[in-house]
Amino acid sequence: MNDDVVQHASIARPVPNGLPLQETSERLAKVIHEGQRTMPVERPPLVCRPQRIESWRIFKIMSEFIEGFDIIRQHGLAVSFFGGARTSVGEGSYKDAEELARRLSKKGFAVITGGSSGIMQAANKGAFEVGGASVGLNINLPQVQNYNPYLTQRFGFDHFFVRKVMLTYASEVYVYFPGGFGTLDEFFEIVTLVQTKKIRKVPIVLFGKSYWGPLVAFIETTLYQERKSISEEDMTLYVLVDSVDEAYDYIAANVTC
């Protein structure tokens, strides 16, 4: 890996507001080598600004990016499911997520989730039971974060932000079922990235009008009409649905990749 870093730095191109590319690449190669050698068995969390460069931490972050991109590149067409980890088996949202994932898997989509329980398990289960690709991108926490049993491939990240990058760039469709802070965070991140054209426009599906309706109304009334904080076209970046048929038909008609 160090050889690759240096090999592509043969031409010293200036980096805006920074060091020349070759110098930056050489420093990076040195840090990677040092980080691999000094990786501690017990890795302390990053809780405050470090006073020095922690080579092992940079190495760990980069290795997670490499592992993550290596996983998502294996799947041509994919859909990411988000939703509450506390959703119980048998709830309407659980059944709908399972059925939608089953249908999309049959159509050739790999199903990608956070790999844990609730809506994530439902979506993985739907794909797994029809022989589809079922991927779980989990997070390693001090308390045990269990994987659901319906995964054909899985990976655990130490860093939330690396995991978020993988979930962001993994799919051609993003489906959001009712959930908590994490689900809302993922929705606003994706819609902001599409709005600012940092990622291409892809179907963003909000499933469940009783849950998402008040938020959509707040966006239209407060953000758009009262505060003028967004443009009218920004409200076309997502669609609100209330059934598996509606979600499936919209996805099938709007996936362009």
Protein backbone atom coordinates (compact mmCIF):
# COMPACT_ATOMS: atom_id res chain seq x y z
CA MET A 1 0.00 0.00 0.00
CA ASN A 2 2.86 2.41 0.75
CA ASP A 3 4.31 1.82 -2.72
CA ASP A 4 0.99 2.75 -4.33
CA VAL A 5 0.84 5.99 -2.35
CA VAL A 6 4.30 7.09 -3.47
CA GLN A 7 3.96 5.80 -7.04
CA HIS A 8 1.10 8.16 -7.89
CA ALA A 9 2.92 11.15 -6.40
CA SER A 10 5.70 11.38 -8.98
CA ILE A 11 4.52 14.79 -10.16
CA ALA A 12 4.45 17.51 -7.53
CA ARG A 13 1.18 19.33 -8.13
CA PRO A 14 0.24 22.12 -5.73
CA VAL A 15 -2.67 21.54 -3.43
CA PRO A 16 -4.77 24.68 -2.79
CA ASN A 17 -4.01 26.11 0.65
CA GLY A 18 -1.73 23.19 1.45
CA LEU A 19 1.49 21.35 0.78
CA PRO A 20 2.53 20.13 -2.69
CA LEU A 21 0.94 16.78 -3.51
CA GLN A 22 4.23 14.87 -3.53
CA GLU A 23 5.22 16.15 -0.10
CA THR A 24 1.78 15.33 1.27
CA SER A 25 1.95 11.84 -0.24
CA GLU A 26 5.36 11.19 1.26
CA ARG A 27 4.18 12.28 4.70
CA LEU A 28 1.12 10.08 4.35
CA ALA A 29 3.17 7.05 3.33
CA LYS A 30 5.41 7.58 6.36
CA VAL A 31 2.44 7.90 8.71
CA ILE A 32 0.83 4.75 7.30
CA HIS A 33 3.99 2.75 7.79
CA GLU A 34 4.42 4.04 11.33
CA GLY A 35 0.75 3.51 12.13
CA GLN A 36 0.79 -0.11 11.04
CA ARG A 37 3.78 -0.73 13.30
CA THR A 38 2.40 1.06 16.37
CA MET A 39 -1.29 -0.01 16.33
CA PRO A 40 -2.25 -0.58 20.00
CA VAL A 41 -4.28 -3.62 21.03
CA GLU A 42 -6.61 -1.42 23.09
CA ARG A 43 -7.47 1.56 20.91
CA PRO A 44 -8.64 4.57 22.98
CA PRO A 45 -11.51 6.66 21.58
CA LEU A 46 -10.84 10.08 20.13
CA VAL A 47 -12.42 12.27 22.82
CA CYS A 48 -10.54 15.52 22.39
CA ARG A 49 -8.21 17.20 19.95
CA PRO A 50 -4.96 15.23 19.77
CA GLN A 51 -1.75 17.07 20.64
CA ARG A 52 0.23 15.10 18.08
CA ILE A 53 -0.39 12.99 14.99
CA GLU A 54 -1.47 9.51 16.06
CA SER A 55 -0.08 7.45 13.21
CA TRP A 56 -1.92 4.31 14.24
CA ARG A 57 -5.26 6.13 14.17
CA ILE A 58 -4.68 7.44 10.66
CA PHE A 59 -3.70 3.93 9.58
CA LYS A 60 -6.88 2.48 11.13
CA ILE A 61 -9.11 5.09 9.51
CA MET A 62 -7.56 4.53 6.09
CA SER A 63 -7.77 0.75 6.44
CA GLU A 64 -11.49 1.06 7.21
CA PHE A 65 -12.01 3.19 4.11
CA ILE A 66 -10.20 0.59 2.00
CA GLU A 67 -12.16 -2.31 3.47
CA GLY A 68 -15.44 -0.42 3.12
CA PHE A 69 -14.93 0.61 -0.49
CA ASP A 70 -13.78 -2.91 -1.30
CA ILE A 71 -17.12 -4.23 -0.04
CA ILE A 72 -19.40 -1.77 -1.81
CA ARG A 73 -17.57 -2.04 -5.14
CA GLN A 74 -18.61 -5.70 -5.30
CA HIS A 75 -22.27 -4.80 -5.71
CA GLY A 76 -23.44 -3.18 -8.94
CA LEU A 77 -27.01 -2.18 -8.04
CA ALA A 78 -27.84 -1.57 -4.40
CA VAL A 79 -30.46 -0.11 -2.07
CA SER A 80 -29.77 1.14 1.45
CA PHE A 81 -32.45 0.72 4.12
CA PHE A 82 -32.57 2.92 7.21
CA GLY A 83 -34.93 2.79 10.17
CA GLY A 84 -35.32 2.12 13.85
CA ALA A 85 -33.28 -0.63 15.49
CA ARG A 86 -36.06 -0.96 18.07
CA THR A 87 -38.78 -1.87 15.58
CA SER A 88 -40.18 -5.25 16.63
CA VAL A 89 -40.74 -8.31 14.50
CA GLY A 90 -44.40 -8.31 13.52
CA GLU A 91 -44.83 -4.52 13.41
CA GLY A 92 -46.21 -3.08 10.19
CA SER A 93 -42.96 -1.26 9.39
CA TYR A 94 -40.96 -4.46 9.89
CA LYS A 95 -43.20 -6.43 7.53
CA ASP A 96 -43.15 -3.67 4.91
CA ALA A 97 -39.35 -3.36 5.01
CA GLU A 98 -38.99 -7.12 4.66
CA GLU A 99 -41.36 -7.29 1.71
CA LEU A 100 -39.86 -4.30 -0.11
CA ALA A 101 -36.37 -5.70 0.31
CA ARG A 102 -37.55 -9.07 -0.95
CA ARG A 103 -38.98 -7.54 -4.12
CA LEU A 104 -35.97 -5.35 -4.80
CA SER A 105 -33.62 -8.27 -4.21
CA LYS A 106 -35.49 -10.29 -6.81
CA LYS A 107 -35.00 -7.38 -9.20
CA GLY A 108 -31.23 -7.58 -8.70
CA PHE A 109 -30.59 -5.06 -5.91
CA ALA A 110 -28.10 -5.80 -3.17
CA VAL A 111 -29.66 -4.78 0.14
CA ILE A 112 -27.41 -2.75 2.44
CA THR A 113 -28.19 -1.85 6.05
CA GLY A 114 -26.46 -1.08 9.31
CA GLY A 115 -26.52 -4.81 9.98
CA SER A 116 -28.28 -4.71 13.34
CA SER A 117 -31.87 -5.26 14.50
CA GLY A 118 -35.27 -3.75 13.73
CA ILE A 119 -35.76 -2.35 10.23
CA MET A 120 -32.20 -3.35 9.36
CA GLN A 121 -32.91 -6.97 10.20
CA ALA A 122 -36.20 -6.89 8.32
CA ALA A 123 -34.56 -5.64 5.13
CA ASN A 124 -31.67 -8.09 5.37
CA LYS A 125 -34.13 -10.92 6.03
CA GLY A 126 -36.17 -10.08 2.93
CA ALA A 127 -33.08 -10.20 0.73
CA PHE A 128 -31.48 -13.19 2.43
CA GLU A 129 -34.51 -15.45 2.13
CA VAL A 130 -34.68 -15.06 -1.66
CA GLY A 131 -30.96 -15.67 -2.11
CA GLY A 132 -29.98 -12.04 -2.64
CA ALA A 133 -26.94 -10.09 -1.49
CA SER A 134 -27.55 -8.90 2.08
CA VAL A 135 -24.87 -6.59 3.48
CA GLY A 136 -24.46 -5.24 7.02
CA LEU A 137 -22.19 -2.27 7.73
CA ASN A 138 -22.15 -2.16 11.51
CA ILE A 139 -20.38 -0.03 14.13
CA ASN A 140 -18.16 -1.38 16.90
CA LEU A 141 -19.34 0.00 20.24
CA PRO A 142 -18.21 -0.55 23.86
CA GLN A 143 -21.48 -2.37 24.44
CA VAL A 144 -21.96 -5.35 22.14
CA GLN A 145 -23.61 -4.39 18.86
CA ASN A 146 -25.04 -7.62 17.51
CA TYR A 147 -25.36 -8.48 13.85
CA ASN A 148 -28.66 -9.86 12.63
CA PRO A 149 -28.52 -13.45 11.28
CA TYR A 150 -29.54 -12.57 7.71
CA LEU A 151 -26.27 -11.29 6.27
CA THR A 152 -24.24 -12.64 3.37
CA GLN A 153 -21.50 -10.08 4.03
CA ARG A 154 -20.67 -7.86 6.97
CA PHE A 155 -18.09 -5.43 8.32
CA GLY A 156 -17.72 -3.53 11.59
CA PHE A 157 -16.30 0.00 11.69
CA ASP A 158 -14.62 1.69 14.63
CA HIS A 159 -15.37 5.17 13.24
CA PHE A 160 -18.90 6.42 12.67
CA PHE A 161 -17.82 8.88 10.00
CA VAL A 162 -16.16 6.17 7.89
CA ARG A 163 -19.30 4.05 8.14
CA LYS A 164 -21.41 7.03 7.11
CA VAL A 165 -19.28 7.55 4.01
CA MET A 166 -19.74 3.90 3.05
CA LEU A 167 -23.51 4.07 3.55
CA THR A 168 -23.62 7.32 1.59
CA TYR A 169 -21.81 6.05 -1.48
CA ALA A 170 -23.04 2.46 -1.40
CA SER A 171 -26.37 2.65 -3.20
CA GLU A 172 -28.53 3.86 -6.05
CA VAL A 173 -31.61 4.11 -3.79
CA TYR A 174 -32.12 5.19 -0.16
CA VAL A 175 -35.22 4.07 1.75
CA TYR A 176 -36.10 5.50 5.15
CA PHE A 177 -38.54 3.81 7.49
CA PRO A 178 -39.58 5.28 10.86
CA GLY A 179 -36.65 5.50 13.27
CA GLY A 180 -34.81 7.65 15.76
CA PHE A 181 -32.03 10.23 15.69
CA GLY A 182 -29.80 8.02 13.56
CA THR A 183 -32.44 7.62 10.86
CA LEU A 184 -33.12 11.36 10.77
CA ASP A 185 -29.39 12.06 10.64
CA GLU A 186 -28.92 9.73 7.68
CA PHE A 187 -31.88 11.24 5.83
CA PHE A 188 -30.73 14.83 6.21
CA GLU A 189 -27.18 13.90 5.29
CA ILE A 190 -28.20 12.23 2.02
CA VAL A 191 -30.69 14.92 1.03
CA THR A 192 -28.08 17.63 1.75
CA LEU A 193 -25.44 15.85 -0.33
CA VAL A 194 -27.88 15.58 -3.25
CA GLN A 195 -29.00 19.20 -2.79
CA THR A 196 -25.40 20.44 -2.90
CA LYS A 197 -24.59 18.07 -5.79
CA LYS A 198 -21.91 16.23 -3.83
CA ILE A 199 -23.58 13.00 -4.90
CA ARG A 200 -25.77 12.37 -7.93
CA LYS A 201 -29.55 12.61 -7.64
CA VAL A 202 -30.96 9.25 -6.64
CA PRO A 203 -34.36 8.11 -5.37
CA ILE A 204 -34.86 9.01 -1.71
CA VAL A 205 -37.95 7.28 -0.35
CA LEU A 206 -39.64 8.18 2.94
CA PHE A 207 -41.84 5.24 3.94
CA GLY A 208 -44.80 5.91 6.23
CA LYS A 209 -46.92 9.05 5.93
CA SER A 210 -48.01 9.10 9.57
CA TYR A 211 -44.35 9.24 10.67
CA TRP A 212 -42.74 11.36 7.94
CA GLY A 213 -45.76 13.57 7.14
CA PRO A 214 -45.23 16.04 10.02
CA LEU A 215 -41.54 16.42 9.15
CA VAL A 216 -42.32 16.96 5.46
CA ALA A 217 -44.94 19.56 6.49
CA PHE A 218 -42.37 21.32 8.71
CA ILE A 219 -39.90 21.43 5.84
CA GLU A 220 -42.48 22.96 3.50
CA THR A 221 -44.11 25.37 5.94
CA THR A 222 -41.21 26.49 8.13
CA LEU A 223 -38.08 25.99 6.05
CA TYR A 224 -39.52 26.93 2.65
CA GLN A 225 -42.49 29.24 3.15
CA GLU A 226 -41.61 31.05 6.37
CA ARG A 227 -37.80 31.02 6.52
CA LYS A 228 -36.94 30.78 2.81
CA SER A 229 -34.10 28.47 3.91
CA ILE A 230 -34.50 26.07 1.00
CA SER A 231 -35.67 26.25 -2.61
CA GLU A 232 -38.93 24.83 -3.91
CA GLU A 233 -37.02 22.29 -5.99
CA ASP A 234 -35.35 20.97 -2.83
CA MET A 235 -38.69 19.48 -1.80
CA THR A 236 -38.63 17.30 -4.93
CA LEU A 237 -35.48 15.50 -3.79
CA TYR A 238 -37.50 12.94 -1.83
CA VAL A 239 -40.85 11.19 -2.15
CA LEU A 240 -43.31 10.18 0.57
CA VAL A 241 -44.99 6.77 0.19
CA ASP A 242 -47.29 4.64 2.26
CA SER A 243 -47.19 1.16 0.75
CA VAL A 244 -44.75 -1.41 -0.57
CA ASP A 245 -46.33 -1.23 -4.03
CA GLU A 246 -45.95 2.55 -4.14
CA ALA A 247 -42.31 2.40 -3.01
CA TYR A 248 -41.38 -0.41 -5.38
CA ASP A 249 -43.02 1.22 -8.41
CA TYR A 250 -41.33 4.56 -7.71
CA ILE A 251 -37.91 2.95 -7.31
CA ALA A 252 -38.30 0.80 -10.43
CA ALA A 253 -39.28 3.85 -12.47
CA ASN A 254 -36.60 6.21 -11.17
CA VAL A 255 -33.36 4.23 -10.83
CA THR A 256 -31.15 5.48 -13.64
CA CYS A 257 -27.79 3.86 -12.78
